[in-house]
Amino acid sequence: MFVDLMLVLGGLAALVVGGDLLVRGAVAVALRVGLSPLVIGVTLVGFGTSMPELMTSLIAAFEGLPGIALGNVVGSNIANILLILGLSAMIAALPGHAFLHRDGLVMLAVTGLCATLMWTGTVGRLAGGACLVMLAGYLVVTLRSGQTAPQLGQDVPPPPVWRGAGLFVLGLLGVMIGARFLVDGASDIARAFDVSDAVIGLTIVAVGTSLPELVTSVIAARKRQGEIAIGNVIGSNIFNVLGILGITAVVQPLSVPTEMLGVTLWVFLAAALAPAAVLILRGRLALGVGAGFVAAYVAYTLALII
């Protein structure tokens, strides 16, 4: 058990460090070869911070652990809103108009699509391919409309291409190794405590692979950059379903564990709707609402474990 716990902790650490190196290396190379900050922000940064989720879901799917693969996507989306957005709102009030405009509506639509696919019992290659086509369309619309992630703030020239490429390779290796450790350790712990792979995927794995988003949103909230905190959550949730679930299903079709068709499915939908509902009534996400989101996440997690 101690070894499994060390595998999980070591895997999480490798995912965080590796993801950071991967993004830094990709951005450095992109700037050196002349890509615009718009393209970098929408593609490389967004995809790079989601690499821990992607690698973890792919490895879990190949090892015949659909509960971890799908639970990672669904659990990350739930944690992004209830835990990460909740903690951010507790630090500073968040202006939430983004949830009531295009990107927020896209996130709601994508959540509904994921729930529908789960309800069918299987997420196959055709569904995965459709998700990837929709992701490509969303990125094209985003690029053409001029919306992007926060400015990268390059106050100094980026490092040479060889150094950026080296950081990218090290980061990719770190993410791959971390994902392997995390999946192996988490699955062994699940068997030891007679807990399903789905529950492990929805809790330990989901929160662990969401650490980059957690750090980004909390720092943004502390700097009173609420739109960044919210945009980070919305973008991550969209990419988790269309990108990570899409790629994973194309490579290895997923059967949906029955545990995910009960309370989890409704929490998944409710979490996506909650920010928009609060914003319509209150106009912003503040301390009380944030505390409520975090409390709801803790209650949901305890309910899963119990």
Protein backbone atom coordinates (compact mmCIF):
# COMPACT_ATOMS: atom_id res chain seq x y z
CA MET A 1 0.00 0.00 0.00
CA PHE A 2 2.85 2.39 0.83
CA VAL A 3 4.41 1.78 -2.58
CA ASP A 4 1.08 2.44 -4.31
CA LEU A 5 0.65 5.68 -2.38
CA MET A 6 4.15 6.76 -3.38
CA LEU A 7 3.34 5.92 -7.00
CA VAL A 8 0.26 8.16 -6.85
CA LEU A 9 2.10 11.07 -5.19
CA GLY A 10 5.11 10.70 -7.46
CA GLY A 11 2.87 10.47 -10.50
CA LEU A 12 1.00 13.64 -9.54
CA ALA A 13 4.27 15.50 -9.00
CA ALA A 14 5.63 14.32 -12.36
CA LEU A 15 2.40 15.36 -14.10
CA VAL A 16 2.52 18.88 -12.66
CA VAL A 17 6.24 19.44 -13.33
CA GLY A 18 6.12 17.73 -16.71
CA GLY A 19 3.05 19.69 -17.82
CA ASP A 20 4.71 22.96 -16.87
CA LEU A 21 7.93 22.11 -18.75
CA LEU A 22 5.94 20.93 -21.77
CA VAL A 23 4.00 24.20 -22.02
CA ARG A 24 7.09 26.36 -21.48
CA GLY A 25 9.04 24.46 -24.11
CA ALA A 26 6.22 24.52 -26.67
CA VAL A 27 5.65 28.25 -26.19
CA ALA A 28 9.38 29.00 -26.50
CA VAL A 29 9.67 27.07 -29.77
CA ALA A 30 6.45 28.60 -31.14
CA LEU A 31 7.63 32.14 -30.41
CA ARG A 32 11.01 31.45 -31.99
CA VAL A 33 9.46 30.14 -35.22
CA GLY A 34 7.08 33.09 -35.45
CA LEU A 35 3.68 31.82 -34.32
CA SER A 36 1.40 34.55 -32.99
CA PRO A 37 0.45 34.83 -29.30
CA LEU A 38 -3.16 34.18 -30.39
CA VAL A 39 -2.35 30.79 -31.88
CA ILE A 40 -0.09 29.91 -28.95
CA GLY A 41 -2.69 30.84 -26.38
CA VAL A 42 -5.60 29.02 -27.98
CA THR A 43 -3.73 25.87 -28.95
CA LEU A 44 -0.40 25.16 -27.27
CA VAL A 45 -1.14 26.55 -23.81
CA GLY A 46 -4.66 25.13 -23.68
CA PHE A 47 -3.63 21.71 -24.95
CA GLY A 48 -0.43 21.62 -22.91
CA THR A 49 -2.14 22.15 -19.57
CA SER A 50 -4.52 19.29 -20.44
CA MET A 51 -1.77 16.80 -21.33
CA PRO A 52 -1.86 15.20 -17.84
CA GLU A 53 -5.55 14.36 -18.32
CA LEU A 54 -4.95 13.10 -21.88
CA MET A 55 -2.04 10.81 -21.04
CA THR A 56 -3.78 9.46 -17.94
CA SER A 57 -7.00 8.65 -19.81
CA LEU A 58 -5.14 7.04 -22.72
CA ILE A 59 -3.03 4.82 -20.48
CA ALA A 60 -6.08 3.84 -18.40
CA ALA A 61 -8.08 2.99 -21.55
CA PHE A 62 -5.26 0.82 -22.94
CA GLU A 63 -5.02 -1.03 -19.62
CA GLY A 64 -8.73 -1.83 -19.65
CA LEU A 65 -9.68 0.69 -16.96
CA PRO A 66 -12.56 2.67 -18.53
CA GLY A 67 -13.66 3.88 -15.09
CA ILE A 68 -10.40 5.78 -14.64
CA ALA A 69 -10.29 6.95 -18.27
CA LEU A 70 -13.84 8.35 -18.31
CA GLY A 71 -13.91 9.24 -14.61
CA ASN A 72 -10.84 11.40 -15.18
CA VAL A 73 -12.74 13.51 -17.75
CA VAL A 74 -16.04 13.75 -15.87
CA GLY A 75 -14.40 14.15 -12.47
CA SER A 76 -12.04 16.85 -13.75
CA ASN A 77 -14.95 18.87 -15.12
CA ILE A 78 -16.83 18.59 -11.83
CA ALA A 79 -13.70 19.55 -9.86
CA ASN A 80 -12.97 22.45 -12.21
CA ILE A 81 -16.27 24.12 -11.38
CA LEU A 82 -17.14 23.11 -7.83
CA LEU A 83 -13.63 22.96 -6.37
CA ILE A 84 -11.40 25.20 -8.49
CA LEU A 85 -13.96 27.87 -9.36
CA GLY A 86 -15.28 27.68 -5.80
CA LEU A 87 -11.85 28.26 -4.26
CA SER A 88 -11.20 31.10 -6.71
CA ALA A 89 -14.48 32.78 -5.80
CA MET A 90 -13.59 32.49 -2.11
CA ILE A 91 -10.38 34.40 -2.79
CA ALA A 92 -11.96 37.16 -4.90
CA ALA A 93 -15.38 37.80 -6.44
CA LEU A 94 -15.47 36.63 -10.07
CA PRO A 95 -17.33 38.50 -12.82
CA GLY A 96 -19.04 35.70 -14.63
CA HIS A 97 -20.36 37.15 -17.86
CA ALA A 98 -18.32 34.57 -19.79
CA PHE A 99 -20.68 31.85 -18.60
CA LEU A 100 -23.60 33.67 -20.19
CA HIS A 101 -21.94 34.18 -23.59
CA ARG A 102 -20.62 31.97 -26.38
CA ASP A 103 -17.89 30.00 -24.60
CA GLY A 104 -20.07 29.33 -21.59
CA LEU A 105 -22.88 28.12 -23.82
CA VAL A 106 -20.45 25.90 -25.70
CA MET A 107 -19.37 24.38 -22.38
CA LEU A 108 -23.00 23.67 -21.47
CA ALA A 109 -23.63 22.07 -24.87
CA VAL A 110 -20.47 19.96 -24.60
CA THR A 111 -21.48 18.82 -21.11
CA GLY A 112 -24.89 17.78 -22.43
CA LEU A 113 -23.22 15.89 -25.28
CA CYS A 114 -20.94 14.02 -22.86
CA ALA A 115 -23.90 13.11 -20.63
CA THR A 116 -25.81 11.79 -23.65
CA LEU A 117 -22.87 9.67 -24.76
CA MET A 118 -22.53 8.29 -21.23
CA TRP A 119 -26.22 7.43 -21.15
CA THR A 120 -25.81 5.23 -24.25
CA GLY A 121 -23.39 3.07 -22.27
CA THR A 122 -20.49 3.24 -24.72
CA VAL A 123 -18.34 6.01 -26.15
CA GLY A 124 -17.11 4.60 -29.46
CA ARG A 125 -14.78 5.69 -32.22
CA LEU A 126 -17.51 7.43 -34.22
CA ALA A 127 -18.51 9.54 -31.22
CA GLY A 128 -14.86 10.28 -30.46
CA GLY A 129 -14.24 11.38 -34.03
CA ALA A 130 -17.28 13.65 -33.94
CA CYS A 131 -15.95 15.25 -30.75
CA LEU A 132 -12.62 15.98 -32.43
CA VAL A 133 -14.35 17.54 -35.45
CA MET A 134 -16.37 19.78 -33.12
CA LEU A 135 -13.20 20.75 -31.25
CA ALA A 136 -11.54 21.74 -34.52
CA GLY A 137 -14.57 23.84 -35.44
CA TYR A 138 -14.57 25.54 -32.06
CA LEU A 139 -10.88 26.40 -32.35
CA VAL A 140 -11.37 27.85 -35.84
CA VAL A 141 -14.25 30.04 -34.64
CA THR A 142 -12.23 31.14 -31.60
CA LEU A 143 -9.21 32.06 -33.69
CA ARG A 144 -11.27 33.99 -36.23
CA SER A 145 -13.14 35.90 -33.55
CA GLY A 146 -9.89 37.06 -31.99
CA GLN A 147 -10.55 35.53 -28.57
CA THR A 148 -7.65 33.82 -26.87
CA ALA A 149 -6.14 32.83 -23.59
CA PRO A 150 -4.48 35.50 -21.41
CA GLN A 151 -1.40 37.22 -22.81
CA LEU A 152 1.74 35.25 -22.16
CA GLY A 153 3.67 38.24 -20.88
CA GLN A 154 6.96 37.57 -22.63
CA ASP A 155 9.01 40.45 -21.23
CA VAL A 156 12.29 38.84 -22.30
CA PRO A 157 13.24 37.07 -25.54
CA PRO A 158 12.33 33.37 -25.57
CA PRO A 159 15.16 30.85 -25.17
CA PRO A 160 16.81 29.24 -28.22
CA VAL A 161 14.87 26.61 -30.15
CA TRP A 162 17.09 23.78 -28.92
CA ARG A 163 16.42 24.70 -25.30
CA GLY A 164 12.70 25.01 -25.86
CA ALA A 165 12.64 21.66 -27.66
CA GLY A 166 14.57 20.11 -24.78
CA LEU A 167 12.06 21.44 -22.24
CA PHE A 168 9.21 20.09 -24.37
CA VAL A 169 10.74 16.60 -24.58
CA LEU A 170 11.50 16.52 -20.85
CA GLY A 171 7.97 17.70 -20.09
CA LEU A 172 6.42 15.08 -22.35
CA LEU A 173 8.48 12.33 -20.74
CA GLY A 174 7.50 13.60 -17.29
CA VAL A 175 3.81 13.59 -18.20
CA MET A 176 4.01 10.08 -19.66
CA ILE A 177 5.87 8.67 -16.66
CA GLY A 178 3.64 10.51 -14.20
CA ALA A 179 0.49 9.25 -15.90
CA ARG A 180 1.77 5.67 -15.77
CA PHE A 181 2.63 5.92 -12.06
CA LEU A 182 -0.71 7.58 -11.26
CA VAL A 183 -2.81 4.98 -13.09
CA ASP A 184 -0.90 2.02 -11.67
CA GLY A 185 -0.93 3.33 -8.10
CA ALA A 186 -4.55 4.44 -8.19
CA SER A 187 -5.82 1.17 -9.66
CA ASP A 188 -3.93 -0.86 -7.04
CA ILE A 189 -5.35 1.29 -4.23
CA ALA A 190 -8.84 0.84 -5.66
CA ARG A 191 -8.47 -2.94 -5.61
CA ALA A 192 -6.96 -2.93 -2.10
CA PHE A 193 -9.91 -0.98 -0.66
CA ASP A 194 -12.50 -2.68 -2.88
CA VAL A 195 -13.32 0.67 -4.48
CA SER A 196 -14.25 0.79 -8.15
CA ASP A 197 -11.94 2.24 -10.78
CA ALA A 198 -14.67 4.77 -11.58
CA VAL A 199 -14.60 6.21 -8.05
CA ILE A 200 -10.80 6.47 -8.11
CA GLY A 201 -10.98 8.15 -11.50
CA LEU A 202 -13.63 10.61 -10.33
CA THR A 203 -11.69 11.60 -7.20
CA ILE A 204 -7.92 11.10 -6.83
CA VAL A 205 -7.10 10.96 -10.54
CA ALA A 206 -9.48 13.78 -11.53
CA VAL A 207 -8.23 16.21 -8.89
CA GLY A 208 -4.61 15.26 -9.47
CA THR A 209 -4.70 15.87 -13.21
CA SER A 210 -6.55 19.17 -12.63
CA LEU A 211 -3.74 20.64 -10.52
CA PRO A 212 -2.43 22.86 -13.39
CA GLU A 213 -5.89 24.42 -13.76
CA LEU A 214 -6.16 24.80 -9.97
CA VAL A 215 -2.86 26.68 -9.73
CA THR A 216 -3.69 28.90 -12.71
CA SER A 217 -7.15 29.90 -11.49
CA VAL A 218 -6.15 30.49 -7.87
CA ILE A 219 -3.21 32.69 -8.89
CA ALA A 220 -5.48 34.60 -11.28
CA ALA A 221 -8.03 35.15 -8.52
CA ARG A 222 -5.34 36.43 -6.13
CA LYS A 223 -4.28 38.92 -8.80
CA ARG A 224 -7.93 40.01 -9.24
CA GLN A 225 -7.98 38.63 -12.77
CA GLY A 226 -11.32 36.90 -12.49
CA GLU A 227 -11.91 36.51 -16.21
CA ILE A 228 -8.72 34.48 -16.51
CA ALA A 229 -9.83 32.17 -13.69
CA ILE A 230 -13.21 31.61 -15.31
CA GLY A 231 -11.86 31.31 -18.84
CA ASN A 232 -9.37 28.70 -17.68
CA VAL A 233 -12.19 26.55 -16.27
CA ILE A 234 -14.45 26.94 -19.31
CA GLY A 235 -11.68 26.16 -21.79
CA SER A 236 -10.48 23.17 -19.79
CA ASN A 237 -13.98 21.69 -19.55
CA ILE A 238 -14.54 22.05 -23.29
CA PHE A 239 -11.21 20.46 -24.16
CA ASN A 240 -11.64 17.65 -21.61
CA VAL A 241 -14.76 16.39 -23.40
CA LEU A 242 -14.07 17.20 -27.05
CA GLY A 243 -10.30 16.66 -26.98
CA ILE A 244 -9.42 14.14 -24.28
CA LEU A 245 -12.57 12.02 -24.44
CA GLY A 246 -12.54 12.31 -28.24
CA ILE A 247 -8.93 11.16 -28.66
CA THR A 248 -9.28 8.41 -26.06
CA ALA A 249 -12.46 7.02 -27.62
CA VAL A 250 -10.94 7.04 -31.11
CA VAL A 251 -7.90 5.12 -29.89
CA GLN A 252 -9.78 2.82 -27.51
CA PRO A 253 -13.63 2.80 -27.27
CA LEU A 254 -14.87 3.15 -23.70
CA SER A 255 -17.65 1.31 -21.90
CA VAL A 256 -19.37 3.50 -19.31
CA PRO A 257 -19.31 2.06 -15.74
CA THR A 258 -22.79 1.81 -14.22
CA GLU A 259 -21.60 3.80 -11.16
CA MET A 260 -21.31 6.88 -13.37
CA LEU A 261 -24.93 6.78 -14.54
CA GLY A 262 -26.45 7.66 -11.17
CA VAL A 263 -25.55 10.54 -8.87
CA THR A 264 -22.38 11.38 -10.78
CA LEU A 265 -24.24 12.04 -14.03
CA TRP A 266 -26.61 14.49 -12.33
CA VAL A 267 -23.79 16.20 -10.42
CA PHE A 268 -21.91 16.53 -13.70
CA LEU A 269 -24.87 18.31 -15.31
CA ALA A 270 -25.73 20.38 -12.23
CA ALA A 271 -22.15 21.60 -11.82
CA ALA A 272 -22.13 22.91 -15.40
CA LEU A 273 -25.44 24.72 -14.91
CA ALA A 274 -24.76 26.10 -11.42
CA PRO A 275 -22.47 29.06 -12.33
CA ALA A 276 -24.84 30.33 -15.02
CA ALA A 277 -27.82 30.05 -12.64
CA VAL A 278 -25.99 31.92 -9.89
CA LEU A 279 -24.87 34.63 -12.28
CA ILE A 280 -28.39 35.19 -13.59
CA LEU A 281 -29.61 35.65 -10.00
CA ARG A 282 -26.63 37.43 -8.43
CA GLY A 283 -24.45 38.77 -11.24
CA ARG A 284 -21.17 37.39 -9.87
CA LEU A 285 -19.55 34.50 -8.01
CA ALA A 286 -18.53 35.69 -4.55
CA LEU A 287 -17.36 34.25 -1.23
CA GLY A 288 -20.63 32.64 -0.14
CA VAL A 289 -21.26 30.98 -3.49
CA GLY A 290 -17.66 29.79 -3.69
CA ALA A 291 -17.89 28.24 -0.22
CA GLY A 292 -21.12 26.54 -1.29
CA PHE A 293 -19.46 25.10 -4.38
CA VAL A 294 -16.54 23.73 -2.35
CA ALA A 295 -18.90 22.27 0.28
CA ALA A 296 -20.92 20.61 -2.48
CA TYR A 297 -17.75 19.08 -3.92
CA VAL A 298 -16.66 17.74 -0.53
CA ALA A 299 -20.12 16.26 0.05
CA TYR A 300 -20.14 14.65 -3.41
CA THR A 301 -16.66 13.16 -2.88
CA LEU A 302 -17.61 11.76 0.53
CA ALA A 303 -20.77 10.28 -0.95
CA LEU A 304 -18.73 8.52 -3.62
CA ILE A 305 -16.28 7.06 -1.11
CA ILE A 306 -18.94 6.01 1.40
